Protein backbone atom coordinates (compact mmCIF):
# COMPACT_ATOMS: atom_id res chain seq x y z
CA UNK A 1 18.34 -3.57 -1.18
CA UNK A 2 18.98 -7.06 0.17
CA UNK A 3 17.31 -10.33 -1.22
CA UNK A 4 14.11 -11.28 -0.01
CA UNK A 5 13.77 -14.56 -1.53
CA UNK A 6 15.06 -16.25 1.63
CA UNK A 7 12.18 -14.76 3.70
CA UNK A 8 9.53 -16.13 1.40
CA UNK A 9 8.35 -19.80 2.15
CA UNK A 10 6.15 -21.78 0.04
CA UNK A 11 2.42 -22.44 1.50
CA UNK A 12 -0.93 -21.60 0.89
CA UNK A 13 -0.95 -18.47 2.81
CA UNK A 14 0.18 -15.18 0.85
CA UNK A 15 2.56 -12.64 2.22
CA UNK A 16 1.34 -9.13 3.14
CA UNK A 17 3.02 -6.07 1.73
CA UNK A 18 3.26 -2.41 2.35
CA UNK A 19 4.69 -0.38 -0.40
CA UNK A 20 5.91 3.40 -0.38
CA UNK A 21 4.89 4.45 -3.65
CA UNK A 22 6.05 8.22 -3.64
CA UNK A 23 5.88 9.86 -7.25
CA UNK A 24 3.97 8.03 -9.84
CA UNK A 25 7.05 8.72 -12.12
CA UNK A 26 8.51 5.70 -10.77
CA UNK A 27 6.13 3.73 -12.99
CA UNK A 28 8.16 4.61 -16.26
CA UNK A 29 11.46 5.90 -14.91
CA UNK A 30 14.40 3.51 -13.93
CA UNK A 31 15.11 4.21 -10.31
CA UNK A 32 16.33 2.15 -7.25
CA UNK A 33 12.84 2.11 -5.90
CA UNK A 34 11.19 0.71 -9.36
CA UNK A 35 13.80 -1.76 -9.48
CA UNK A 36 12.86 -2.82 -5.78
CA UNK A 37 9.33 -3.06 -6.79
CA UNK A 38 10.26 -5.52 -9.78
CA UNK A 39 12.54 -7.44 -7.46
CA UNK A 40 10.06 -8.05 -5.11
CA UNK A 41 7.30 -8.82 -7.64
CA UNK A 42 9.56 -11.46 -8.95
CA UNK A 43 10.10 -13.24 -5.46
CA UNK A 44 6.49 -13.25 -4.46
CA UNK A 45 4.66 -16.62 -4.74
CA UNK A 46 1.92 -15.99 -7.43
CA UNK A 47 -1.19 -14.55 -6.04
CA UNK A 48 -4.69 -15.68 -6.88
CA UNK A 49 -5.50 -11.97 -6.68
CA UNK A 50 -4.37 -8.58 -5.05
CA UNK A 51 -6.27 -6.41 -2.59
CA UNK A 52 -4.86 -2.74 -2.74
CA UNK A 53 -5.64 -0.26 -0.06
CA UNK A 54 -4.25 2.81 -1.65
CA UNK A 55 -3.91 6.33 -0.34
CA UNK A 56 -5.70 7.73 -3.16
CA UNK A 57 -9.16 6.39 -2.98
CA UNK A 58 -10.76 8.37 0.07
CA UNK A 59 -14.26 8.12 1.04
CA UNK A 60 -16.33 9.39 3.83
CA UNK A 61 -18.85 7.74 5.85
CA UNK A 62 -18.44 4.38 4.10
CA UNK A 63 -15.84 1.89 3.23
CA UNK A 64 -16.21 0.74 -0.66
CA UNK A 65 -14.82 -2.38 -2.33
CA UNK A 66 -14.31 -2.12 -5.94
CA UNK A 67 -16.51 -5.06 -7.69
CA UNK A 68 -15.83 -4.22 -11.39
CA UNK A 69 -14.62 -7.17 -13.87
CA UNK A 70 -12.44 -4.59 -15.65
CA UNK A 71 -11.14 -1.84 -13.51
CA UNK A 72 -10.02 1.42 -15.27
CA UNK A 73 -6.51 2.70 -15.02
CA UNK A 74 -7.18 6.12 -13.19
CA UNK A 75 -4.66 8.85 -14.20
CA UNK A 76 -5.41 10.85 -10.92
CA UNK A 77 -2.39 13.47 -10.93
CA UNK A 78 -1.62 16.65 -12.89
CA UNK A 79 1.48 18.08 -14.41
CA UNK A 80 3.48 14.94 -15.41
CA UNK A 81 4.76 14.08 -18.91
CA UNK A 82 2.53 12.63 -21.51
CA UNK A 83 4.00 9.28 -21.33
CA UNK A 84 2.69 8.89 -17.84
CA UNK A 85 -0.73 9.73 -18.85
CA UNK A 86 -0.57 6.88 -21.61
CA UNK A 87 0.14 4.02 -19.26
CA UNK A 88 -2.42 1.51 -18.82
CA UNK A 89 -2.55 -1.34 -16.42
CA UNK A 90 -5.31 -3.73 -17.86
CA UNK A 91 -5.48 -6.33 -15.17
CA UNK A 92 -8.93 -8.15 -14.64
CA UNK A 93 -10.73 -7.22 -11.36
CA UNK A 94 -11.78 -9.85 -8.73
CA UNK A 95 -15.45 -9.64 -8.22
CA UNK A 96 -15.96 -12.82 -6.25
CA UNK A 97 -13.27 -11.94 -3.93
CA UNK A 98 -14.60 -8.39 -3.71
CA UNK A 99 -17.88 -9.75 -2.49
CA UNK A 100 -15.99 -12.15 0.04
CA UNK A 101 -14.05 -9.05 1.29
CA UNK A 102 -17.47 -7.20 2.01
CA UNK A 103 -18.70 -10.11 3.75
CA UNK A 104 -15.61 -10.01 5.97
CA UNK A 105 -16.26 -6.43 6.61
CA UNK A 106 -20.03 -7.05 7.41
CA UNK A 107 -19.69 -5.57 10.96
CA UNK A 108 -18.04 -2.43 9.50
CA UNK A 109 -20.90 -1.98 6.79
CA UNK A 110 -18.44 -2.06 3.97
CA UNK A 111 -20.31 -2.18 0.71
CA UNK A 112 -19.64 -2.99 -3.13
CA UNK A 113 -18.99 -0.19 -5.71
CA UNK A 114 -18.12 -0.05 -9.51
CA UNK A 115 -17.29 3.50 -9.29
CA UNK A 116 -13.49 3.43 -9.24
CA UNK A 117 -10.85 1.21 -10.88
CA UNK A 118 -7.07 1.31 -10.20
CA UNK A 119 -5.65 4.50 -9.16
CA UNK A 120 -1.82 5.55 -9.24
CA UNK A 121 -1.35 4.18 -5.66
CA UNK A 122 -2.05 0.75 -7.09
CA UNK A 123 -1.10 0.69 -10.76
CA UNK A 124 2.21 2.74 -10.72
CA UNK A 125 3.60 0.01 -8.25
CA UNK A 126 1.98 -3.15 -9.75
CA UNK A 127 3.11 -2.01 -13.27
CA UNK A 128 6.67 -2.79 -11.97
CA UNK A 129 5.95 -5.57 -9.64
CA UNK A 130 3.44 -7.67 -12.10
CA UNK A 131 4.09 -6.10 -15.44
CA UNK A 132 2.02 -8.71 -17.31
CA UNK A 133 -1.19 -7.40 -15.60
CA UNK A 134 -2.50 -10.75 -15.44
CA UNK A 135 -3.20 -11.03 -11.63
CA UNK A 136 -6.76 -9.98 -10.62
CA UNK A 137 -6.80 -6.69 -8.70
CA UNK A 138 -9.31 -4.80 -6.64
CA UNK A 139 -9.24 -1.92 -4.34
CA UNK A 140 -10.75 -0.87 -0.73
CA UNK A 141 -11.29 2.71 0.10
CA UNK A 142 -10.10 4.63 3.29
CA UNK A 143 -13.27 5.98 5.11
CA UNK A 144 -11.45 9.24 6.27
CA UNK A 145 -14.18 9.56 8.81
CA UNK A 146 -12.70 6.74 10.86
CA UNK A 147 -9.82 7.25 13.38
CA UNK A 148 -6.66 5.31 12.64
CA UNK A 149 -7.41 2.96 15.44
CA UNK A 150 -10.64 1.94 13.60
CA UNK A 151 -8.82 1.36 10.40
CA UNK A 152 -6.65 -0.95 12.09
CA UNK A 153 -9.63 -2.99 13.73
CA UNK A 154 -11.46 -3.03 10.51
CA UNK A 155 -8.30 -4.36 8.53
CA UNK A 156 -7.68 -7.32 11.22
CA UNK A 157 -11.11 -8.60 9.70
CA UNK A 158 -9.32 -9.16 6.40
CA UNK A 159 -6.76 -11.66 7.54
CA UNK A 160 -8.68 -14.41 6.05
CA UNK A 161 -7.85 -13.14 2.64
CA UNK A 162 -4.33 -14.27 2.86
CA UNK A 163 -5.52 -17.77 3.23
CA UNK A 164 -7.56 -17.48 0.22
CA UNK A 165 -4.47 -16.49 -1.96
CA UNK A 166 -5.07 -12.79 -1.78
CA UNK A 167 -1.74 -10.38 -1.56
CA UNK A 168 -2.87 -7.72 0.75
CA UNK A 169 -1.03 -4.50 -0.37
CA UNK A 170 -1.11 -1.14 1.43
CA UNK A 171 0.14 1.56 -0.75
CA UNK A 172 1.00 5.05 0.92
CA UNK A 173 4.21 6.35 2.52
CA UNK A 174 5.44 6.21 6.05
CA UNK A 175 6.39 9.90 5.72
CA UNK A 176 4.39 12.07 3.30
CA UNK A 177 4.65 15.93 3.23
CA UNK A 178 4.36 17.29 -0.34
CA UNK A 179 4.64 20.86 1.21
CA UNK A 180 8.33 20.34 2.19
CA UNK A 181 9.54 18.47 -0.81
CA UNK A 182 13.03 19.49 -2.12
CA UNK A 183 13.92 17.69 -5.36
CA UNK A 184 17.27 16.72 -4.94
CA UNK A 185 17.79 18.09 -1.45
CA UNK A 186 18.84 16.14 1.55
CA UNK A 187 16.22 14.58 3.64
CA UNK A 188 14.50 16.47 6.51
CA UNK A 189 15.78 15.40 10.01
CA UNK A 190 12.03 15.01 11.22
CA UNK A 191 11.55 12.92 7.98
CA UNK A 192 14.43 10.39 8.79
CA UNK A 193 13.35 10.51 12.56
CA UNK A 194 9.96 9.63 11.95
CA UNK A 195 10.79 7.06 9.41
CA UNK A 196 13.03 5.61 12.02
CA UNK A 197 10.66 5.63 14.79
CA UNK A 198 7.98 3.84 12.67
CA UNK A 199 10.26 1.28 11.37
CA UNK A 200 11.48 0.26 15.09
CA UNK A 201 7.87 -0.19 15.92
CA UNK A 202 7.17 -2.22 13.06
CA UNK A 203 10.50 -4.47 13.69
CA UNK A 204 9.29 -4.85 17.38
CA UNK A 205 5.95 -5.61 16.40
CA UNK A 206 4.28 -2.60 18.34
CA UNK A 207 1.75 -2.29 15.52
CA UNK A 208 -1.01 -0.92 18.01
CA UNK A 209 1.91 1.92 18.76
CA UNK A 210 1.84 2.71 15.12
CA UNK A 211 -1.80 3.11 14.92
CA UNK A 212 -1.87 5.50 17.82
CA UNK A 213 1.06 7.74 16.78
CA UNK A 214 0.32 11.51 17.26
CA UNK A 215 1.86 14.66 18.14
CA UNK A 216 4.23 17.16 16.19
CA UNK A 217 6.61 14.68 14.57
CA UNK A 218 3.45 12.88 13.21
CA UNK A 219 1.92 16.13 11.94
CA UNK A 220 5.06 17.02 10.36
CA UNK A 221 5.12 13.66 8.56
CA UNK A 222 1.61 13.62 7.76
CA UNK A 223 -0.40 16.96 7.27
CA UNK A 224 -3.08 14.78 6.04
CA UNK A 225 -3.34 11.02 7.10
CA UNK A 226 -4.44 9.27 3.78
CA UNK A 227 -0.80 8.20 3.01
CA UNK A 228 -0.16 6.71 6.54
CA UNK A 229 -3.38 4.55 6.79
CA UNK A 230 -2.52 2.04 4.28
CA UNK A 231 0.53 0.97 6.35
CA UNK A 232 -2.17 -0.04 9.28
CA UNK A 233 -3.71 -2.54 6.92
CA UNK A 234 -0.59 -4.33 6.17
CA UNK A 235 0.28 -4.39 9.91
CA UNK A 236 -3.33 -5.42 10.88
CA UNK A 237 -3.04 -8.70 8.59
CA UNK A 238 0.28 -9.69 9.64
CA UNK A 239 0.44 -13.09 11.61
CA UNK A 240 2.54 -13.67 14.73
CA UNK A 241 5.08 -16.09 12.75
CA UNK A 242 5.48 -13.83 10.09
CA UNK A 243 9.09 -12.48 9.37
CA UNK A 244 9.15 -8.76 8.54
CA UNK A 245 11.74 -7.51 6.03
CA UNK A 246 12.20 -3.89 4.73
CA UNK A 247 13.23 -2.83 1.31
CA UNK A 248 13.43 0.34 -0.64
CA UNK A 249 14.42 2.26 2.51
CA UNK A 250 15.28 5.87 1.74
CA UNK A 251 13.74 9.33 1.90
CA UNK A 252 12.95 10.68 -1.74
CA UNK A 253 12.33 14.42 -2.42
CA UNK A 254 13.45 15.14 1.03
CA UNK A 255 10.17 14.34 2.51
CA UNK A 256 8.59 11.26 1.18
CA UNK A 257 9.64 8.03 2.85
CA UNK A 258 9.84 5.07 0.09
CA UNK A 259 10.43 2.49 2.90
CA UNK A 260 8.47 -0.57 2.23
CA UNK A 261 7.95 -3.95 4.17
CA UNK A 262 6.97 -7.62 3.57
CA UNK A 263 5.41 -10.03 6.16
CA UNK A 264 5.98 -13.51 5.12
């Protein structure tokens, strides 16, 4: 991973971030990916709060914003070592910013909810980036009844949060096909190709093209779309003068892209 500090400039406007989160085990094991999260967390300016759009909070027919003051650490997975279930991320919530977020999304009919917390798409990454758990964190759900283009349009109305000191974090994976995982195996050719195509589109700022991706390669990379959609939220809040930097580039388990990107 190359140093990203030179891409971060001081100012009132927070960067925007997409994180390929992959296996929750990266929360407790030392890996190139977990070290990459720690490095980027140390380089970022201190946020007033973090809005995380995670692949693991899915709703249908509504977009929810968590307004709880003390979000619970949700262990939404199975079959992992006990040490992972013992992890807690006791960051405070951000009720006032949650309400401001719902106001920004008024035309999309978003509503407040206390029925969630921090799922592993959020805490397994943030526990490395901000290990003291002092920065307030809240989540926004993915309404799976919306097509990708509507997610992108909705997310554009979140741009103002960056000026409020909010770090917008999309947490998913550019390639995510658990059916074809091969622990320790070489990446599938189609996984490498899709990861490359998306990275090129991001670097060339063809964000709309990313939102419109379809066809056999897209279906191979994403049998279901929930891990792809958080990327659109990060792209949608990017500014024209942001520089984009990639980190944690690589395919894990043969079919999970860990590529992450920063707009600052």
